[in-house]
Amino acid sequence: MGSGGRHEQLALGETPNLAARLQNLAAPISAISSTTHRLVQGYFTCDDCGIHSFKGSRRPRGVSRGGRKRAQSRLDVAKPSG
């Protein structure tokens, strides 16, 4: 965005909007979306915080509270799940 010699790169859309809403919900705890929870499952313990609606998001989202680290590598995660 911008004109002349000055241009800025901006992050627009639902993803940065949802990230901002999660940051507001997270203080002083750490909150993550259900998508991120699936990515870190097995690496961290997470507590389910239920479904939340966020301004600017088309649909309600699952939210989890991040917790303690459980695994050091993907091999540690693979052991219990086979």
PDB file of N, CA and C in Angstrom:
ATOM      1  N   MET A   1       0.847  -1.168   0.000  1.00  0.00           N
ATOM      2  CA  MET A   1       0.000   0.000   0.000  1.00  0.00           C
ATOM      3  C   MET A   1       0.892   1.230   0.000  1.00  0.00           C
ATOM      4  N   GLY A   2       0.374   2.314  -0.494  1.00  0.00           N
ATOM      5  CA  GLY A   2       1.115   3.561  -0.500  1.00  0.00           C
ATOM      6  C   GLY A   2       1.247   4.107  -1.906  1.00  0.00           C
ATOM      7  N   SER A   3       1.905   5.227  -2.002  1.00  0.00           N
ATOM      8  CA  SER A   3       2.096   5.842  -3.310  1.00  0.00           C
ATOM      9  C   SER A   3       3.465   6.496  -3.351  1.00  0.00           C
ATOM     10  N   GLY A   4       3.890   6.843  -4.565  1.00  0.00           N
ATOM     11  CA  GLY A   4       5.190   7.481  -4.718  1.00  0.00           C
ATOM     12  C   GLY A   4       6.304   6.542  -4.312  1.00  0.00           C
ATOM     13  N   GLY A   5       7.275   7.041  -3.568  1.00  0.00           N
ATOM     14  CA  GLY A   5       8.404   6.238  -3.137  1.00  0.00           C
ATOM     15  C   GLY A   5       8.164   5.486  -1.850  1.00  0.00           C
ATOM     16  N   ARG A   6       6.993   5.659  -1.263  1.00  0.00           N
ATOM     17  CA  ARG A   6       6.728   5.019   0.031  1.00  0.00           C
ATOM     18  C   ARG A   6       5.650   3.948  -0.115  1.00  0.00           C
ATOM     19  N   HIS A   7       6.035   2.721   0.158  1.00  0.00           N
ATOM     20  CA  HIS A   7       5.096   1.600   0.119  1.00  0.00           C
ATOM     21  C   HIS A   7       5.245   0.798   1.395  1.00  0.00           C
ATOM     22  N   GLU A   8       4.125   0.254   1.891  1.00  0.00           N
ATOM     23  CA  GLU A   8       4.135  -0.586   3.080  1.00  0.00           C
ATOM     24  C   GLU A   8       3.516  -1.925   2.761  1.00  0.00           C
ATOM     25  N   GLN A   9       4.041  -2.968   3.392  1.00  0.00           N
ATOM     26  CA  GLN A   9       3.453  -4.292   3.291  1.00  0.00           C
ATOM     27  C   GLN A   9       2.547  -4.473   4.502  1.00  0.00           C
ATOM     28  N   LEU A  10       1.284  -4.754   4.267  1.00  0.00           N
ATOM     29  CA  LEU A  10       0.340  -4.934   5.359  1.00  0.00           C
ATOM     30  C   LEU A  10      -0.247  -6.335   5.321  1.00  0.00           C
ATOM     31  N   ALA A  11      -0.467  -6.897   6.477  1.00  0.00           N
ATOM     32  CA  ALA A  11      -1.159  -8.178   6.580  1.00  0.00           C
ATOM     33  C   ALA A  11      -2.640  -7.876   6.774  1.00  0.00           C
ATOM     34  N   LEU A  12      -3.440  -8.279   5.813  1.00  0.00           N
ATOM     35  CA  LEU A  12      -4.875  -8.027   5.857  1.00  0.00           C
ATOM     36  C   LEU A  12      -5.633  -9.342   5.765  1.00  0.00           C
ATOM     37  N   GLY A  13      -6.849  -9.335   6.239  1.00  0.00           N
ATOM     38  CA  GLY A  13      -7.700 -10.508   6.097  1.00  0.00           C
ATOM     39  C   GLY A  13      -8.023 -11.161   7.427  1.00  0.00           C
ATOM     40  N   GLU A  14      -8.620 -12.352   7.315  1.00  0.00           N
ATOM     41  CA  GLU A  14      -9.123 -13.047   8.494  1.00  0.00           C
ATOM     42  C   GLU A  14      -8.008 -13.580   9.393  1.00  0.00           C
ATOM     43  N   THR A  15      -6.910 -14.059   8.817  1.00  0.00           N
ATOM     44  CA  THR A  15      -5.850 -14.659   9.630  1.00  0.00           C
ATOM     45  C   THR A  15      -5.217 -13.669  10.603  1.00  0.00           C
ATOM     46  N   PRO A  16      -4.735 -12.495  10.158  1.00  0.00           N
ATOM     47  CA  PRO A  16      -4.169 -11.561  11.138  1.00  0.00           C
ATOM     48  C   PRO A  16      -5.222 -11.006  12.095  1.00  0.00           C
ATOM     49  N   ASN A  17      -6.461 -10.892  11.623  1.00  0.00           N
ATOM     50  CA  ASN A  17      -7.551 -10.429  12.487  1.00  0.00           C
ATOM     51  C   ASN A  17      -7.784 -11.438  13.610  1.00  0.00           C
ATOM     52  N   LEU A  18      -7.838 -12.728  13.269  1.00  0.00           N
ATOM     53  CA  LEU A  18      -8.038 -13.761  14.285  1.00  0.00           C
ATOM     54  C   LEU A  18      -6.859 -13.789  15.260  1.00  0.00           C
ATOM     55  N   ALA A  19      -5.648 -13.625  14.743  1.00  0.00           N
ATOM     56  CA  ALA A  19      -4.465 -13.596  15.617  1.00  0.00           C
ATOM     57  C   ALA A  19      -4.563 -12.459  16.632  1.00  0.00           C
ATOM     58  N   ALA A  20      -5.013 -11.295  16.192  1.00  0.00           N
ATOM     59  CA  ALA A  20      -5.166 -10.156  17.106  1.00  0.00           C
ATOM     60  C   ALA A  20      -6.224 -10.451  18.165  1.00  0.00           C
ATOM     61  N   ARG A  21      -7.323 -11.071  17.777  1.00  0.00           N
ATOM     62  CA  ARG A  21      -8.389 -11.403  18.739  1.00  0.00           C
ATOM     63  C   ARG A  21      -7.892 -12.439  19.745  1.00  0.00           C
ATOM     64  N   LEU A  22      -7.116 -13.426  19.280  1.00  0.00           N
ATOM     65  CA  LEU A  22      -6.565 -14.426  20.199  1.00  0.00           C
ATOM     66  C   LEU A  22      -5.599 -13.789  21.189  1.00  0.00           C
ATOM     67  N   GLN A  23      -4.822 -12.808  20.729  1.00  0.00           N
ATOM     68  CA  GLN A  23      -3.914 -12.111  21.647  1.00  0.00           C
ATOM     69  C   GLN A  23      -4.697 -11.399  22.737  1.00  0.00           C
ATOM     70  N   ASN A  24      -5.819 -10.787  22.377  1.00  0.00           N
ATOM     71  CA  ASN A  24      -6.648 -10.115  23.384  1.00  0.00           C
ATOM     72  C   ASN A  24      -7.203 -11.112  24.382  1.00  0.00           C
ATOM     73  N   LEU A  25      -7.614 -12.277  23.899  1.00  0.00           N
ATOM     74  CA  LEU A  25      -8.161 -13.309  24.769  1.00  0.00           C
ATOM     75  C   LEU A  25      -7.072 -13.926  25.636  1.00  0.00           C
ATOM     76  N   ALA A  26      -5.847 -13.956  25.136  1.00  0.00           N
ATOM     77  CA  ALA A  26      -4.752 -14.660  25.799  1.00  0.00           C
ATOM     78  C   ALA A  26      -4.240 -13.968  27.052  1.00  0.00           C
ATOM     79  N   ALA A  27      -4.310 -12.672  27.118  1.00  0.00           N
ATOM     80  CA  ALA A  27      -3.710 -11.980  28.261  1.00  0.00           C
ATOM     81  C   ALA A  27      -4.429 -12.358  29.549  1.00  0.00           C
ATOM     82  N   PRO A  28      -3.760 -12.802  30.577  1.00  0.00           N
ATOM     83  CA  PRO A  28      -2.329 -13.080  30.694  1.00  0.00           C
ATOM     84  C   PRO A  28      -1.969 -14.535  30.397  1.00  0.00           C
ATOM     85  N   ILE A  29      -2.892 -15.308  29.821  1.00  0.00           N
ATOM     86  CA  ILE A  29      -2.585 -16.704  29.489  1.00  0.00           C
ATOM     87  C   ILE A  29      -2.248 -16.818  28.010  1.00  0.00           C
ATOM     88  N   SER A  30      -1.837 -17.970  27.589  1.00  0.00           N
ATOM     89  CA  SER A  30      -1.493 -18.203  26.195  1.00  0.00           C
ATOM     90  C   SER A  30      -2.647 -18.939  25.515  1.00  0.00           C
ATOM     91  N   ALA A  31      -3.294 -18.313  24.534  1.00  0.00           N
ATOM     92  CA  ALA A  31      -4.414 -18.925  23.823  1.00  0.00           C
ATOM     93  C   ALA A  31      -4.015 -19.205  22.386  1.00  0.00           C
ATOM     94  N   ILE A  32      -4.458 -20.366  21.873  1.00  0.00           N
ATOM     95  CA  ILE A  32      -4.174 -20.749  20.498  1.00  0.00           C
ATOM     96  C   ILE A  32      -5.448 -21.238  19.825  1.00  0.00           C
ATOM     97  N   SER A  33      -5.494 -21.142  18.508  1.00  0.00           N
ATOM     98  CA  SER A  33      -6.650 -21.612  17.751  1.00  0.00           C
ATOM     99  C   SER A  33      -6.628 -23.135  17.656  1.00  0.00           C
ATOM    100  N   SER A  34      -7.768 -23.712  17.255  1.00  0.00           N
ATOM    101  CA  SER A  34      -7.845 -25.165  17.111  1.00  0.00           C
ATOM    102  C   SER A  34      -6.894 -25.661  16.023  1.00  0.00           C
ATOM    103  N   THR A  35      -6.652 -24.850  14.996  1.00  0.00           N
ATOM    104  CA  THR A  35      -5.714 -25.229  13.940  1.00  0.00           C
ATOM    105  C   THR A  35      -4.301 -25.352  14.501  1.00  0.00           C
ATOM    106  N   THR A  36      -3.884 -24.367  15.289  1.00  0.00           N
ATOM    107  CA  THR A  36      -2.554 -24.415  15.907  1.00  0.00           C
ATOM    108  C   THR A  36      -2.476 -25.563  16.899  1.00  0.00           C
ATOM    109  N   HIS A  37      -3.557 -25.813  17.615  1.00  0.00           N
ATOM    110  CA  HIS A  37      -3.577 -26.927  18.576  1.00  0.00           C
ATOM    111  C   HIS A  37      -3.295 -28.248  17.873  1.00  0.00           C
ATOM    112  N   ARG A  38      -3.884 -28.458  16.702  1.00  0.00           N
ATOM    113  CA  ARG A  38      -3.623 -29.688  15.952  1.00  0.00           C
ATOM    114  C   ARG A  38      -2.148 -29.791  15.557  1.00  0.00           C
ATOM    115  N   LEU A  39      -1.516 -28.664  15.247  1.00  0.00           N
ATOM    116  CA  LEU A  39      -0.115 -28.671  14.836  1.00  0.00           C
ATOM    117  C   LEU A  39       0.840 -28.972  15.992  1.00  0.00           C
ATOM    118  N   VAL A  40       0.485 -28.549  17.213  1.00  0.00           N
ATOM    119  CA  VAL A  40       1.384 -28.745  18.365  1.00  0.00           C
ATOM    120  C   VAL A  40       0.958 -29.907  19.247  1.00  0.00           C
ATOM    121  N   GLN A  41      -0.111 -30.606  18.859  1.00  0.00           N
ATOM    122  CA  GLN A  41      -0.619 -31.727  19.658  1.00  0.00           C
ATOM    123  C   GLN A  41       0.485 -32.759  19.856  1.00  0.00           C
ATOM    124  N   GLY A  42       0.699 -33.153  21.075  1.00  0.00           N
ATOM    125  CA  GLY A  42       1.754 -34.088  21.416  1.00  0.00           C
ATOM    126  C   GLY A  42       3.023 -33.389  21.877  1.00  0.00           C
ATOM    127  N   TYR A  43       3.262 -32.180  21.382  1.00  0.00           N
ATOM    128  CA  TYR A  43       4.433 -31.418  21.796  1.00  0.00           C
ATOM    129  C   TYR A  43       4.159 -30.640  23.077  1.00  0.00           C
ATOM    130  N   PHE A  44       2.924 -30.178  23.246  1.00  0.00           N
ATOM    131  CA  PHE A  44       2.534 -29.377  24.403  1.00  0.00           C
ATOM    132  C   PHE A  44       1.220 -29.906  24.960  1.00  0.00           C
ATOM    133  N   THR A  45       1.038 -29.757  26.268  1.00  0.00           N
ATOM    134  CA  THR A  45      -0.265 -30.025  26.861  1.00  0.00           C
ATOM    135  C   THR A  45      -1.126 -28.791  26.625  1.00  0.00           C
ATOM    136  N   CYS A  46      -2.381 -28.981  26.285  1.00  0.00           N
ATOM    137  CA  CYS A  46      -3.281 -27.857  26.019  1.00  0.00           C
ATOM    138  C   CYS A  46      -4.626 -28.119  26.675  1.00  0.00           C
ATOM    139  N   ASP A  47      -5.234 -27.078  27.189  1.00  0.00           N
ATOM    140  CA  ASP A  47      -6.560 -27.163  27.784  1.00  0.00           C
ATOM    141  C   ASP A  47      -7.573 -26.549  26.845  1.00  0.00           C
ATOM    142  N   ASP A  48      -8.694 -27.242  26.640  1.00  0.00           N
ATOM    143  CA  ASP A  48      -9.756 -26.744  25.773  1.00  0.00           C
ATOM    144  C   ASP A  48     -10.470 -25.584  26.454  1.00  0.00           C
ATOM    145  N   CYS A  49     -10.613 -24.468  25.751  1.00  0.00           N
ATOM    146  CA  CYS A  49     -11.311 -23.290  26.279  1.00  0.00           C
ATOM    147  C   CYS A  49     -12.669 -23.084  25.605  1.00  0.00           C
ATOM    148  N   GLY A  50     -13.094 -24.060  24.798  1.00  0.00           N
ATOM    149  CA  GLY A  50     -14.395 -23.979  24.165  1.00  0.00           C
ATOM    150  C   GLY A  50     -14.374 -23.235  22.842  1.00  0.00           C
ATOM    151  N   ILE A  51     -15.579 -22.982  22.339  1.00  0.00           N
ATOM    152  CA  ILE A  51     -15.772 -22.304  21.062  1.00  0.00           C
ATOM    153  C   ILE A  51     -16.021 -20.823  21.340  1.00  0.00           C
ATOM    154  N   HIS A  52     -15.324 -19.961  20.584  1.00  0.00           N
ATOM    155  CA  HIS A  52     -15.473 -18.519  20.742  1.00  0.00           C
ATOM    156  C   HIS A  52     -15.780 -17.876  19.399  1.00  0.00           C
ATOM    157  N   SER A  53     -16.603 -16.846  19.419  1.00  0.00           N
ATOM    158  CA  SER A  53     -16.859 -16.042  18.228  1.00  0.00           C
ATOM    159  C   SER A  53     -15.979 -14.806  18.299  1.00  0.00           C
ATOM    160  N   PHE A  54     -15.378 -14.447  17.172  1.00  0.00           N
ATOM    161  CA  PHE A  54     -14.489 -13.300  17.111  1.00  0.00           C
ATOM    162  C   PHE A  54     -14.991 -12.302  16.086  1.00  0.00           C
ATOM    163  N   LYS A  55     -14.930 -11.043  16.441  1.00  0.00           N
ATOM    164  CA  LYS A  55     -15.297  -9.972  15.524  1.00  0.00           C
ATOM    165  C   LYS A  55     -14.430 -10.086  14.275  1.00  0.00           C
ATOM    166  N   GLY A  56     -15.058 -10.021  13.105  1.00  0.00           N
ATOM    167  CA  GLY A  56     -14.334 -10.092  11.849  1.00  0.00           C
ATOM    168  C   GLY A  56     -14.089 -11.500  11.343  1.00  0.00           C
ATOM    169  N   SER A  57     -14.484 -12.513  12.104  1.00  0.00           N
ATOM    170  CA  SER A  57     -14.312 -13.904  11.679  1.00  0.00           C
ATOM    171  C   SER A  57     -15.659 -14.439  11.216  1.00  0.00           C
ATOM    172  N   ARG A  58     -15.646 -15.211  10.153  1.00  0.00           N
ATOM    173  CA  ARG A  58     -16.892 -15.718   9.580  1.00  0.00           C
ATOM    174  C   ARG A  58     -17.565 -16.779  10.426  1.00  0.00           C
ATOM    175  N   ARG A  59     -16.797 -17.491  11.233  1.00  0.00           N
ATOM    176  CA  ARG A  59     -17.387 -18.593  12.004  1.00  0.00           C
ATOM    177  C   ARG A  59     -16.717 -18.689  13.371  1.00  0.00           C
ATOM    178  N   PRO A  60     -17.415 -19.284  14.344  1.00  0.00           N
ATOM    179  CA  PRO A  60     -16.811 -19.491  15.664  1.00  0.00           C
ATOM    180  C   PRO A  60     -15.609 -20.421  15.551  1.00  0.00           C
ATOM    181  N   ARG A  61     -14.653 -20.266  16.463  1.00  0.00           N
ATOM    182  CA  ARG A  61     -13.415 -21.051  16.433  1.00  0.00           C
ATOM    183  C   ARG A  61     -13.183 -21.734  17.766  1.00  0.00           C
ATOM    184  N   GLY A  62     -12.594 -22.914  17.702  1.00  0.00           N
ATOM    185  CA  GLY A  62     -12.155 -23.600  18.904  1.00  0.00           C
ATOM    186  C   GLY A  62     -10.897 -22.919  19.434  1.00  0.00           C
ATOM    187  N   VAL A  63     -10.826 -22.768  20.738  1.00  0.00           N
ATOM    188  CA  VAL A  63      -9.678 -22.111  21.371  1.00  0.00           C
ATOM    189  C   VAL A  63      -9.136 -23.020  22.464  1.00  0.00           C
ATOM    190  N   SER A  64      -7.819 -23.098  22.547  1.00  0.00           N
ATOM    191  CA  SER A  64      -7.158 -23.870  23.598  1.00  0.00           C
ATOM    192  C   SER A  64      -6.173 -22.975  24.322  1.00  0.00           C
ATOM    193  N   ARG A  65      -5.886 -23.344  25.537  1.00  0.00           N
ATOM    194  CA  ARG A  65      -4.862 -22.641  26.322  1.00  0.00           C
ATOM    195  C   ARG A  65      -3.598 -23.474  26.249  1.00  0.00           C
ATOM    196  N   GLY A  66      -2.517 -22.853  25.781  1.00  0.00           N
ATOM    197  CA  GLY A  66      -1.236 -23.547  25.677  1.00  0.00           C
ATOM    198  C   GLY A  66      -0.699 -23.892  27.043  1.00  0.00           C
ATOM    199  N   GLY A  67       0.073 -24.952  27.095  1.00  0.00           N
ATOM    200  CA  GLY A  67       0.583 -25.401  28.385  1.00  0.00           C
ATOM    201  C   GLY A  67       2.046 -25.762  28.345  1.00  0.00           C
ATOM    202  N   ARG A  68       2.405 -26.698  29.194  1.00  0.00           N
ATOM    203  CA  ARG A  68       3.808 -27.113  29.326  1.00  0.00           C
ATOM    204  C   ARG A  68       4.265 -27.940  28.135  1.00  0.00           C
ATOM    205  N   LYS A  69       5.543 -27.849  27.885  1.00  0.00           N
ATOM    206  CA  LYS A  69       6.153 -28.628  26.812  1.00  0.00           C
ATOM    207  C   LYS A  69       6.209 -30.093  27.225  1.00  0.00           C
ATOM    208  N   ARG A  70       5.816 -30.992  26.306  1.00  0.00           N
ATOM    209  CA  ARG A  70       5.817 -32.430  26.600  1.00  0.00           C
ATOM    210  C   ARG A  70       6.892 -33.182  25.841  1.00  0.00           C
ATOM    211  N   ALA A  71       7.225 -32.754  24.628  1.00  0.00           N
ATOM    212  CA  ALA A  71       8.161 -33.508  23.790  1.00  0.00           C
ATOM    213  C   ALA A  71       9.291 -32.614  23.312  1.00  0.00           C
ATOM    214  N   GLN A  72      10.426 -33.209  23.052  1.00  0.00           N
ATOM    215  CA  GLN A  72      11.583 -32.476  22.556  1.00  0.00           C
ATOM    216  C   GLN A  72      11.687 -32.524  21.033  1.00  0.00           C
ATOM    217  N   SER A  73      11.152 -33.581  20.408  1.00  0.00           N
ATOM    218  CA  SER A  73      11.266 -33.733  18.958  1.00  0.00           C
ATOM    219  C   SER A  73      10.057 -34.480  18.412  1.00  0.00           C
ATOM    220  N   ARG A  74       9.967 -34.541  17.090  1.00  0.00           N
ATOM    221  CA  ARG A  74       8.852 -35.258  16.471  1.00  0.00           C
ATOM    222  C   ARG A  74       8.925 -36.751  16.782  1.00  0.00           C
ATOM    223  N   LEU A  75      10.127 -37.259  17.059  1.00  0.00           N
ATOM    224  CA  LEU A  75      10.276 -38.670  17.415  1.00  0.00           C
ATOM    225  C   LEU A  75       9.645 -38.961  18.770  1.00  0.00           C
ATOM    226  N   ASP A  76       9.750 -38.020  19.715  1.00  0.00           N
ATOM    227  CA  ASP A  76       9.088 -38.175  21.019  1.00  0.00           C
ATOM    228  C   ASP A  76       7.576 -38.233  20.841  1.00  0.00           C
ATOM    229  N   VAL A  77       7.041 -37.464  19.915  1.00  0.00           N
ATOM    230  CA  VAL A  77       5.603 -37.430  19.663  1.00  0.00           C
ATOM    231  C   VAL A  77       5.169 -38.721  18.971  1.00  0.00           C
ATOM    232  N   ALA A  78       5.992 -39.239  18.081  1.00  0.00           N
ATOM    233  CA  ALA A  78       5.648 -40.435  17.315  1.00  0.00           C
ATOM    234  C   ALA A  78       5.588 -41.687  18.179  1.00  0.00           C
ATOM    235  N   LYS A  79       6.373 -41.771  19.243  1.00  0.00           N
ATOM    236  CA  LYS A  79       6.412 -42.958  20.097  1.00  0.00           C
ATOM    237  C   LYS A  79       5.047 -43.336  20.634  1.00  0.00           C
ATOM    238  N   PRO A  80       4.307 -42.405  21.323  1.00  0.00           N
ATOM    239  CA  PRO A  80       3.020 -42.794  21.891  1.00  0.00           C
ATOM    240  C   PRO A  80       1.949 -43.059  20.827  1.00  0.00           C
ATOM    241  N   SER A  81       2.032 -42.382  19.681  1.00  0.00           N
ATOM    242  CA  SER A  81       0.970 -42.515  18.681  1.00  0.00           C
ATOM    243  C   SER A  81       1.264 -43.619  17.672  1.00  0.00           C
ATOM    244  N   GLY A  82       2.455 -44.221  17.748  1.00  0.00           N
ATOM    245  CA  GLY A  82       2.786 -45.337  16.855  1.00  0.00           C
ATOM    246  C   GLY A  82       3.384 -44.839  15.597  1.00  0.00           C
TER     247      GLY A  82
END
